[in-house]
Amino acid sequence: MKREYTLYVKDIVESITFIEEFVANMDFEQFVSDEKTKNAVIKRLEIIGEAVKNIPQQVRVRQKDIPWSDLARMRDKLAHEYFGIRYDIVWRVIKKKLPQLKPKIKKVLEDLKSEQK
């Protein structure tokens, strides 16, 4: 049975929240020296990218300000180039991109829920 795509949107919000919790009170140096946190963050970024791939195009086109393709490509890069991950870029995504993304994804989720009523 195919999973409801609203659940993938929820996965993205949940993953961003987890990442925020994982790196709370950390600076970059602490992050790069903590293997457990790095691995947890990478896994959640991969989940975000995989979830994006399962959200239908008709949903994605309504939110053109969300970089859907970039999120999917990020997942592919992390999954296939794990030996060459640039943690400075990952940190920038965590600190700059995810805080901007979270409210936009929450809005998508709210819109989808209201459509289902």
Protein backbone atom coordinates (compact mmCIF):
# COMPACT_ATOMS: atom_id res chain seq x y z
CA MET A 1 0.00 0.00 0.00
CA LYS A 2 1.30 3.43 -0.98
CA ARG A 3 2.02 5.77 1.88
CA GLU A 4 -0.02 8.99 2.06
CA TYR A 5 2.17 11.84 0.82
CA THR A 6 1.08 14.10 3.68
CA LEU A 7 3.12 11.78 5.90
CA TYR A 8 6.23 12.59 3.87
CA VAL A 9 5.67 16.29 4.52
CA LYS A 10 5.37 15.46 8.22
CA ASP A 11 8.63 13.51 7.98
CA ILE A 12 10.37 16.65 6.73
CA VAL A 13 9.08 18.79 9.61
CA GLU A 14 9.98 16.06 12.09
CA SER A 15 13.48 15.66 10.65
CA ILE A 16 14.16 19.40 10.82
CA THR A 17 13.02 19.40 14.45
CA PHE A 18 15.28 16.45 15.27
CA ILE A 19 18.25 18.17 13.62
CA GLU A 20 17.58 21.33 15.62
CA GLU A 21 17.56 19.25 18.80
CA PHE A 22 20.69 17.31 17.84
CA VAL A 23 22.80 20.46 17.36
CA ALA A 24 21.25 22.63 20.07
CA ASN A 25 23.95 24.44 22.03
CA MET A 26 26.68 23.23 19.67
CA ASP A 27 29.08 25.27 17.64
CA PHE A 28 30.67 24.05 14.42
CA GLU A 29 33.76 22.62 16.11
CA GLN A 30 31.65 20.60 18.55
CA PHE A 31 29.49 19.37 15.68
CA VAL A 32 32.37 18.14 13.51
CA SER A 33 34.02 16.38 16.43
CA ASP A 34 30.83 14.52 17.45
CA GLU A 35 30.46 11.46 15.21
CA LYS A 36 27.12 10.42 16.67
CA THR A 37 25.57 13.83 16.02
CA LYS A 38 27.03 14.08 12.52
CA ASN A 39 25.65 10.65 11.64
CA ALA A 40 22.23 11.48 13.08
CA VAL A 41 22.08 14.78 11.19
CA ILE A 42 23.16 13.18 7.90
CA LYS A 43 20.51 10.47 8.30
CA ARG A 44 17.81 13.08 8.89
CA LEU A 45 18.96 15.15 5.90
CA GLU A 46 18.74 11.99 3.80
CA ILE A 47 15.20 11.40 5.11
CA ILE A 48 14.26 14.96 4.11
CA GLY A 49 15.56 14.39 0.58
CA GLU A 50 13.88 11.01 0.25
CA ALA A 51 10.59 12.41 1.54
CA VAL A 52 10.74 15.22 -1.03
CA LYS A 53 11.01 12.64 -3.81
CA ASN A 54 7.70 11.12 -2.65
CA ILE A 55 5.74 14.37 -2.63
CA PRO A 56 3.76 14.69 -5.87
CA GLN A 57 4.72 17.35 -8.39
CA GLN A 58 1.27 18.96 -8.13
CA VAL A 59 2.00 19.69 -4.45
CA ARG A 60 5.55 20.90 -5.07
CA VAL A 61 4.60 23.36 -7.82
CA ARG A 62 2.32 25.22 -5.43
CA GLN A 63 5.32 26.13 -3.26
CA LYS A 64 7.90 27.43 -5.71
CA ASP A 65 9.90 29.11 -2.94
CA ILE A 66 10.86 25.71 -1.49
CA PRO A 67 14.00 24.30 -3.15
CA TRP A 68 12.52 20.82 -3.69
CA SER A 69 15.12 19.73 -6.25
CA ASP A 70 18.01 20.96 -4.10
CA LEU A 71 16.70 18.94 -1.16
CA ALA A 72 16.48 15.79 -3.27
CA ARG A 73 19.96 16.34 -4.73
CA MET A 74 21.36 16.91 -1.24
CA ARG A 75 20.06 13.48 -0.22
CA ASP A 76 21.68 11.85 -3.24
CA LYS A 77 24.99 13.56 -2.57
CA LEU A 78 25.00 12.57 1.11
CA ALA A 79 23.98 8.99 0.39
CA HIS A 80 26.42 8.39 -2.46
CA GLU A 81 29.38 10.53 -1.48
CA TYR A 82 29.46 9.79 2.24
CA PHE A 83 33.27 9.60 2.17
CA GLY A 84 33.55 13.21 1.00
CA ILE A 85 30.89 15.04 3.00
CA ARG A 86 31.68 18.72 3.46
CA TYR A 87 30.56 19.36 7.02
CA ASP A 88 31.00 23.11 6.64
CA ILE A 89 28.25 23.00 4.01
CA VAL A 90 26.11 20.70 6.17
CA TRP A 91 26.50 23.16 9.06
CA ARG A 92 25.46 26.07 6.83
CA VAL A 93 22.38 24.11 5.76
CA ILE A 94 21.55 23.38 9.42
CA LYS A 95 21.98 26.95 10.60
CA LYS A 96 20.81 28.98 7.60
CA LYS A 97 18.60 26.91 5.30
CA LEU A 98 16.61 24.67 7.64
CA PRO A 99 15.28 27.54 9.81
CA GLN A 100 13.95 29.18 6.62
CA LEU A 101 12.57 25.91 5.30
CA LYS A 102 10.69 24.74 8.38
CA PRO A 103 7.85 27.33 8.35
CA LYS A 104 7.36 26.85 4.61
CA ILE A 105 7.04 23.08 5.00
CA LYS A 106 4.70 23.54 7.96
CA LYS A 107 2.53 25.74 5.72
CA VAL A 108 2.44 23.00 3.07
CA LEU A 109 1.35 20.54 5.76
CA GLU A 110 -1.37 22.88 7.04
CA ASP A 111 -2.65 23.45 3.49
CA LEU A 112 -2.76 19.72 2.80
CA LYS A 113 -4.61 19.02 6.05
CA SER A 114 -7.19 21.72 5.32
CA GLU A 115 -7.72 20.30 1.81
CA GLN A 116 -8.42 16.87 3.29
CA LYS A 117 -11.26 18.17 5.46
